[in-house]
């Protein structure tokens, strides 16, 4: 009986093709409502005026990290306070989508571990913490 289950799984695996899969299940999240496709969807990139929104988010937070509470109001420390996009969409600069986070808390967010290799992060760890 177990051997039969294994042979059925192998048969399914061997017969699987992406072409047949997408012929049977043609809808995806992006094109489900035909609003956007891979050619018309906006790039997930920062808009030219992102700095204005980032500054506003930091000011709203009183130049304090909204996770750990570290105060980074001194001019030479402000560079360690970042504006984090909660929903990971870099062009969505709605106030509720931007959180002021110190670089350490920002680096601990999902998908942001690469920030730990930045010189700015290392300086923060040496001089601020």
N, C-alpha and C. Protein backbone atom coordinates (compact mmCIF):
# COMPACT_ATOMS: atom_id res chain seq x y z
N UNK A 1 0.82 -1.20 0.00
CA UNK A 1 0.00 0.00 0.00
C UNK A 1 0.86 1.27 0.00
N UNK A 2 1.93 1.28 0.83
CA UNK A 2 2.82 2.43 0.86
C UNK A 2 3.57 2.57 -0.45
N UNK A 3 3.95 1.44 -1.05
CA UNK A 3 4.63 1.45 -2.33
C UNK A 3 3.76 2.04 -3.42
N UNK A 4 2.45 1.78 -3.34
CA UNK A 4 1.50 2.32 -4.30
C UNK A 4 1.44 3.84 -4.17
N UNK A 5 1.40 4.35 -2.94
CA UNK A 5 1.36 5.80 -2.73
C UNK A 5 2.62 6.46 -3.29
N UNK A 6 3.75 5.83 -3.10
CA UNK A 6 5.00 6.37 -3.62
C UNK A 6 4.99 6.37 -5.14
N UNK A 7 4.49 5.30 -5.75
CA UNK A 7 4.47 5.25 -7.22
C UNK A 7 3.50 6.27 -7.79
N UNK A 8 2.38 6.52 -7.11
CA UNK A 8 1.43 7.55 -7.57
C UNK A 8 2.08 8.93 -7.48
N UNK A 9 2.78 9.20 -6.39
CA UNK A 9 3.47 10.49 -6.24
C UNK A 9 4.52 10.67 -7.33
N UNK A 10 5.26 9.62 -7.62
CA UNK A 10 6.27 9.70 -8.68
C UNK A 10 5.62 9.97 -10.04
N UNK A 11 4.49 9.31 -10.29
CA UNK A 11 3.79 9.50 -11.56
C UNK A 11 3.32 10.95 -11.69
N UNK A 12 2.76 11.49 -10.62
CA UNK A 12 2.30 12.90 -10.63
C UNK A 12 3.49 13.82 -10.87
N UNK A 13 4.58 13.58 -10.15
CA UNK A 13 5.77 14.41 -10.30
C UNK A 13 6.33 14.33 -11.72
N UNK A 14 6.40 13.15 -12.26
CA UNK A 14 6.98 12.97 -13.59
C UNK A 14 6.12 13.58 -14.69
N UNK A 15 4.81 13.64 -14.48
CA UNK A 15 3.91 14.18 -15.49
C UNK A 15 3.68 15.68 -15.34
N UNK A 16 4.17 16.25 -14.26
CA UNK A 16 3.93 17.68 -14.01
C UNK A 16 4.74 18.54 -14.97
N UNK A 17 4.05 19.54 -15.53
CA UNK A 17 4.74 20.58 -16.33
C UNK A 17 4.12 21.92 -15.96
N UNK A 18 4.93 22.95 -16.00
CA UNK A 18 4.41 24.29 -15.72
C UNK A 18 3.37 24.72 -16.75
N UNK A 19 3.57 24.33 -17.98
CA UNK A 19 2.61 24.70 -19.02
C UNK A 19 1.23 24.15 -18.70
N UNK A 20 1.16 22.85 -18.37
CA UNK A 20 -0.13 22.26 -18.02
C UNK A 20 -0.71 22.89 -16.76
N UNK A 21 0.14 23.16 -15.79
CA UNK A 21 -0.33 23.76 -14.54
C UNK A 21 -1.00 25.11 -14.82
N UNK A 22 -0.32 25.99 -15.58
CA UNK A 22 -0.88 27.32 -15.84
C UNK A 22 -2.03 27.29 -16.84
N UNK A 23 -2.10 26.25 -17.66
CA UNK A 23 -3.29 26.09 -18.50
C UNK A 23 -4.51 25.77 -17.63
N UNK A 24 -4.28 24.97 -16.61
CA UNK A 24 -5.38 24.59 -15.72
C UNK A 24 -5.69 25.67 -14.69
N UNK A 25 -4.69 26.37 -14.20
CA UNK A 25 -4.85 27.41 -13.18
C UNK A 25 -4.26 28.72 -13.71
N UNK A 26 -4.97 29.39 -14.62
CA UNK A 26 -4.38 30.54 -15.32
C UNK A 26 -4.35 31.84 -14.52
N UNK A 27 -5.05 31.94 -13.42
CA UNK A 27 -5.15 33.21 -12.71
C UNK A 27 -4.05 33.35 -11.67
N UNK A 28 -3.58 34.56 -11.53
CA UNK A 28 -2.61 34.85 -10.49
C UNK A 28 -3.07 36.10 -9.75
N UNK A 29 -2.41 36.42 -8.67
CA UNK A 29 -2.80 37.55 -7.85
C UNK A 29 -2.76 38.87 -8.62
N UNK A 30 -1.73 39.08 -9.42
CA UNK A 30 -1.57 40.35 -10.12
C UNK A 30 -2.64 40.54 -11.18
N UNK A 31 -2.93 39.51 -11.97
CA UNK A 31 -3.86 39.69 -13.07
C UNK A 31 -5.29 39.29 -12.75
N UNK A 32 -5.56 38.91 -11.51
CA UNK A 32 -6.90 38.45 -11.16
C UNK A 32 -7.96 39.49 -11.46
N UNK A 33 -7.65 40.76 -11.23
CA UNK A 33 -8.64 41.80 -11.52
C UNK A 33 -8.28 42.61 -12.76
N UNK A 34 -7.27 42.16 -13.49
CA UNK A 34 -6.82 42.81 -14.72
C UNK A 34 -6.41 44.27 -14.53
N UNK A 35 -6.17 44.69 -13.29
CA UNK A 35 -5.76 46.07 -13.04
C UNK A 35 -4.30 46.29 -13.44
N UNK A 36 -3.46 45.33 -13.18
CA UNK A 36 -2.03 45.44 -13.48
C UNK A 36 -1.52 44.12 -14.04
N UNK A 37 -0.45 44.18 -14.78
CA UNK A 37 0.26 42.97 -15.19
C UNK A 37 1.74 43.23 -15.03
N UNK A 38 2.56 42.26 -15.39
CA UNK A 38 4.01 42.42 -15.16
C UNK A 38 4.62 43.58 -15.93
N UNK A 39 3.94 44.05 -16.96
CA UNK A 39 4.46 45.18 -17.73
C UNK A 39 3.94 46.53 -17.23
N UNK A 40 2.75 46.54 -16.63
CA UNK A 40 2.16 47.82 -16.21
C UNK A 40 2.24 48.06 -14.70
N UNK A 41 2.54 47.03 -13.93
CA UNK A 41 2.62 47.21 -12.48
C UNK A 41 3.79 48.14 -12.15
N UNK A 42 3.62 49.03 -11.17
CA UNK A 42 4.71 49.94 -10.82
C UNK A 42 5.89 49.18 -10.21
N UNK A 43 7.09 49.68 -10.45
CA UNK A 43 8.28 49.10 -9.85
C UNK A 43 8.24 49.35 -8.35
N UNK A 44 8.72 48.40 -7.58
CA UNK A 44 8.77 48.58 -6.14
C UNK A 44 10.05 49.34 -5.81
N UNK A 45 9.99 50.64 -6.02
CA UNK A 45 11.16 51.49 -5.82
C UNK A 45 10.74 52.76 -5.09
N UNK A 46 11.70 53.41 -4.46
CA UNK A 46 11.41 54.65 -3.74
C UNK A 46 11.12 55.78 -4.73
N UNK A 47 10.08 56.55 -4.49
CA UNK A 47 9.83 57.70 -5.36
C UNK A 47 10.83 58.81 -5.07
N UNK A 48 10.95 59.75 -5.97
CA UNK A 48 11.92 60.84 -5.82
C UNK A 48 11.73 61.68 -4.57
N UNK A 49 10.50 61.76 -4.08
CA UNK A 49 10.22 62.59 -2.90
C UNK A 49 10.16 61.78 -1.61
N UNK A 50 10.72 60.57 -1.62
CA UNK A 50 10.68 59.72 -0.43
C UNK A 50 11.29 60.41 0.79
N UNK A 51 12.36 61.17 0.61
CA UNK A 51 13.02 61.85 1.73
C UNK A 51 12.07 62.73 2.53
N UNK A 52 11.15 63.37 1.84
CA UNK A 52 10.16 64.23 2.51
C UNK A 52 9.25 63.40 3.42
N UNK A 53 8.81 62.24 2.92
CA UNK A 53 7.95 61.37 3.71
C UNK A 53 8.70 60.73 4.86
N UNK A 54 9.96 60.37 4.61
CA UNK A 54 10.78 59.77 5.66
C UNK A 54 11.00 60.77 6.80
N UNK A 55 11.31 62.00 6.45
CA UNK A 55 11.50 63.04 7.47
C UNK A 55 10.23 63.24 8.27
N UNK A 56 9.08 63.27 7.60
CA UNK A 56 7.80 63.46 8.29
C UNK A 56 7.54 62.31 9.27
N UNK A 57 7.85 61.08 8.87
CA UNK A 57 7.65 59.92 9.75
C UNK A 57 8.54 60.03 10.99
N UNK A 58 9.78 60.45 10.79
CA UNK A 58 10.71 60.59 11.91
C UNK A 58 10.27 61.71 12.85
N UNK A 59 9.79 62.80 12.29
CA UNK A 59 9.30 63.91 13.10
C UNK A 59 8.08 63.49 13.91
N UNK A 60 7.15 62.76 13.29
CA UNK A 60 5.95 62.28 14.00
C UNK A 60 6.34 61.42 15.19
N UNK A 61 7.42 60.65 15.03
CA UNK A 61 7.88 59.77 16.10
C UNK A 61 8.76 60.50 17.11
N UNK A 62 8.99 61.78 16.91
CA UNK A 62 9.85 62.54 17.81
C UNK A 62 11.29 62.08 17.75
N UNK A 63 11.71 61.60 16.58
CA UNK A 63 13.07 61.08 16.35
C UNK A 63 13.40 59.95 17.33
N UNK A 64 12.38 59.16 17.64
CA UNK A 64 12.53 58.02 18.55
C UNK A 64 12.14 56.75 17.79
N UNK A 65 12.93 55.69 17.96
CA UNK A 65 12.62 54.41 17.32
C UNK A 65 11.28 53.91 17.85
N UNK A 66 10.41 53.58 16.94
CA UNK A 66 9.07 53.12 17.34
C UNK A 66 9.06 51.67 17.81
N UNK A 67 10.20 50.97 17.74
CA UNK A 67 10.29 49.61 18.28
C UNK A 67 10.95 49.61 19.66
N UNK A 68 12.19 50.07 19.71
CA UNK A 68 12.95 49.98 20.97
C UNK A 68 12.89 51.25 21.81
N UNK A 69 12.43 52.35 21.23
CA UNK A 69 12.31 53.60 21.97
C UNK A 69 13.57 54.44 22.03
N UNK A 70 14.64 54.03 21.35
CA UNK A 70 15.88 54.79 21.39
C UNK A 70 15.67 56.18 20.79
N UNK A 71 16.12 57.20 21.49
CA UNK A 71 16.03 58.57 21.01
C UNK A 71 17.25 58.90 20.17
N UNK A 72 16.98 59.34 18.94
CA UNK A 72 18.06 59.67 18.00
C UNK A 72 17.82 61.08 17.46
N UNK A 73 17.52 62.01 18.34
CA UNK A 73 17.16 63.37 17.94
C UNK A 73 18.38 64.25 17.63
N UNK A 74 19.54 63.96 18.20
CA UNK A 74 20.73 64.76 17.90
C UNK A 74 21.02 64.67 16.41
N UNK A 75 21.41 65.79 15.83
CA UNK A 75 21.63 65.84 14.38
C UNK A 75 22.60 64.77 13.88
N UNK A 76 23.67 64.50 14.64
CA UNK A 76 24.64 63.50 14.19
C UNK A 76 24.14 62.06 14.36
N UNK A 77 23.02 61.87 15.07
CA UNK A 77 22.46 60.53 15.27
C UNK A 77 21.27 60.24 14.35
N UNK A 78 20.71 61.27 13.75
CA UNK A 78 19.49 61.09 12.95
C UNK A 78 19.67 60.15 11.77
N UNK A 79 20.89 60.02 11.29
CA UNK A 79 21.11 59.13 10.13
C UNK A 79 20.89 57.68 10.50
N UNK A 80 20.87 57.36 11.79
CA UNK A 80 20.63 55.99 12.24
C UNK A 80 19.14 55.70 12.44
N UNK A 81 18.30 56.69 12.19
CA UNK A 81 16.86 56.51 12.27
C UNK A 81 16.32 56.43 10.85
N UNK A 82 15.67 55.34 10.53
CA UNK A 82 15.18 55.08 9.18
C UNK A 82 13.67 55.12 9.14
N UNK A 83 13.12 55.30 7.95
CA UNK A 83 11.68 55.17 7.73
C UNK A 83 11.45 53.80 7.08
N UNK A 84 10.74 52.94 7.77
CA UNK A 84 10.49 51.57 7.31
C UNK A 84 9.09 51.46 6.72
N UNK A 85 9.00 50.86 5.53
CA UNK A 85 7.70 50.61 4.89
C UNK A 85 7.12 49.32 5.47
N UNK A 86 6.05 49.44 6.23
CA UNK A 86 5.45 48.30 6.91
C UNK A 86 5.01 47.22 5.92
N UNK A 87 4.39 47.62 4.82
CA UNK A 87 3.88 46.65 3.85
C UNK A 87 4.90 46.28 2.78
N UNK A 88 6.12 46.78 2.90
CA UNK A 88 7.24 46.49 1.98
C UNK A 88 7.06 47.08 0.59
N UNK A 89 6.06 47.94 0.41
CA UNK A 89 5.87 48.59 -0.88
C UNK A 89 6.52 49.97 -0.78
N UNK A 90 7.66 50.11 -1.43
CA UNK A 90 8.50 51.30 -1.26
C UNK A 90 7.87 52.59 -1.78
N UNK A 91 6.91 52.50 -2.66
CA UNK A 91 6.27 53.71 -3.18
C UNK A 91 4.99 54.05 -2.41
N UNK A 92 4.64 53.25 -1.39
CA UNK A 92 3.47 53.53 -0.55
C UNK A 92 3.94 54.32 0.66
N UNK A 93 3.87 55.63 0.55
CA UNK A 93 4.38 56.50 1.61
C UNK A 93 3.28 57.08 2.48
N UNK A 94 2.17 56.36 2.58
CA UNK A 94 1.08 56.78 3.47
C UNK A 94 1.63 56.80 4.90
N UNK A 95 1.23 57.78 5.70
CA UNK A 95 1.76 57.87 7.07
C UNK A 95 1.63 56.57 7.87
N UNK A 96 0.52 55.86 7.69
CA UNK A 96 0.33 54.61 8.45
C UNK A 96 1.23 53.47 7.95
N UNK A 97 1.88 53.66 6.81
CA UNK A 97 2.77 52.64 6.27
C UNK A 97 4.24 52.91 6.61
N UNK A 98 4.55 54.06 7.17
CA UNK A 98 5.94 54.40 7.50
C UNK A 98 6.13 54.42 9.01
N UNK A 99 7.13 53.68 9.47
CA UNK A 99 7.48 53.67 10.89
C UNK A 99 8.92 54.10 11.04
N UNK A 100 9.19 54.92 12.01
CA UNK A 100 10.56 55.34 12.30
C UNK A 100 11.23 54.25 13.13
N UNK A 101 12.31 53.69 12.59
CA UNK A 101 13.02 52.62 13.28
C UNK A 101 14.51 52.91 13.28
N UNK A 102 15.17 52.63 14.41
CA UNK A 102 16.62 52.73 14.42
C UNK A 102 17.15 51.66 13.47
N UNK A 103 18.37 51.82 13.03
CA UNK A 103 18.92 50.88 12.04
C UNK A 103 18.95 49.45 12.58
N UNK A 104 19.16 49.28 13.87
CA UNK A 104 19.18 47.92 14.44
C UNK A 104 17.80 47.28 14.35
N UNK A 105 16.76 48.02 14.71
CA UNK A 105 15.40 47.47 14.63
C UNK A 105 14.97 47.30 13.17
N UNK A 106 15.40 48.22 12.31
CA UNK A 106 15.09 48.12 10.89
C UNK A 106 15.71 46.84 10.31
N UNK A 107 16.95 46.56 10.69
CA UNK A 107 17.64 45.37 10.18
C UNK A 107 17.00 44.08 10.69
N UNK A 108 16.23 44.16 11.77
CA UNK A 108 15.58 42.95 12.30
C UNK A 108 14.22 42.68 11.64
N UNK A 109 13.78 43.57 10.76
CA UNK A 109 12.52 43.36 10.05
C UNK A 109 12.70 42.29 8.98
N UNK A 110 11.63 41.54 8.67
CA UNK A 110 11.75 40.52 7.63
C UNK A 110 12.28 41.11 6.32
N UNK A 111 13.25 40.44 5.73
CA UNK A 111 13.82 40.87 4.47
C UNK A 111 14.85 41.97 4.57
N UNK A 112 15.25 42.35 5.78
CA UNK A 112 16.19 43.46 5.95
C UNK A 112 17.51 43.06 6.61
N UNK A 113 17.76 41.78 6.76
CA UNK A 113 18.99 41.32 7.43
C UNK A 113 20.24 41.81 6.73
N UNK A 114 20.16 42.06 5.43
CA UNK A 114 21.32 42.56 4.68
C UNK A 114 21.86 43.87 5.23
N UNK A 115 21.03 44.60 5.95
CA UNK A 115 21.45 45.90 6.49
C UNK A 115 22.55 45.74 7.54
N UNK A 116 22.64 44.56 8.13
CA UNK A 116 23.67 44.33 9.15
C UNK A 116 25.08 44.38 8.58
N UNK A 117 25.21 44.27 7.28
CA UNK A 117 26.54 44.33 6.66
C UNK A 117 26.91 45.75 6.24
N UNK A 118 26.02 46.70 6.41
CA UNK A 118 26.31 48.09 6.04
C UNK A 118 27.28 48.74 7.02
N UNK A 119 28.13 49.60 6.52
CA UNK A 119 29.05 50.35 7.37
C UNK A 119 28.28 51.17 8.40
N UNK A 120 27.19 51.75 7.99
CA UNK A 120 26.34 52.55 8.88
C UNK A 120 25.87 51.73 10.09
N UNK A 121 25.51 50.48 9.85
CA UNK A 121 25.06 49.60 10.93
C UNK A 121 26.21 49.31 11.89
N UNK A 122 27.39 49.05 11.34
CA UNK A 122 28.55 48.76 12.17
C UNK A 122 28.93 49.97 13.03
N UNK A 123 28.86 51.16 12.44
CA UNK A 123 29.15 52.38 13.20
C UNK A 123 28.13 52.56 14.32
N UNK A 124 26.89 52.31 14.03
CA UNK A 124 25.83 52.41 15.03
C UNK A 124 26.12 51.46 16.20
N UNK A 125 26.48 50.23 15.88
CA UNK A 125 26.77 49.23 16.91
C UNK A 125 27.96 49.66 17.77
N UNK A 126 28.96 50.27 17.17
CA UNK A 126 30.18 50.66 17.89
C UNK A 126 29.99 51.91 18.74
N UNK A 127 29.27 52.90 18.19
CA UNK A 127 29.27 54.21 18.81
C UNK A 127 27.98 54.60 19.53
N UNK A 128 26.88 53.99 19.16
CA UNK A 128 25.61 54.45 19.70
C UNK A 128 25.06 53.50 20.75
N UNK A 129 25.16 52.23 20.50
CA UNK A 129 24.53 51.24 21.41
C UNK A 129 25.29 51.11 22.70
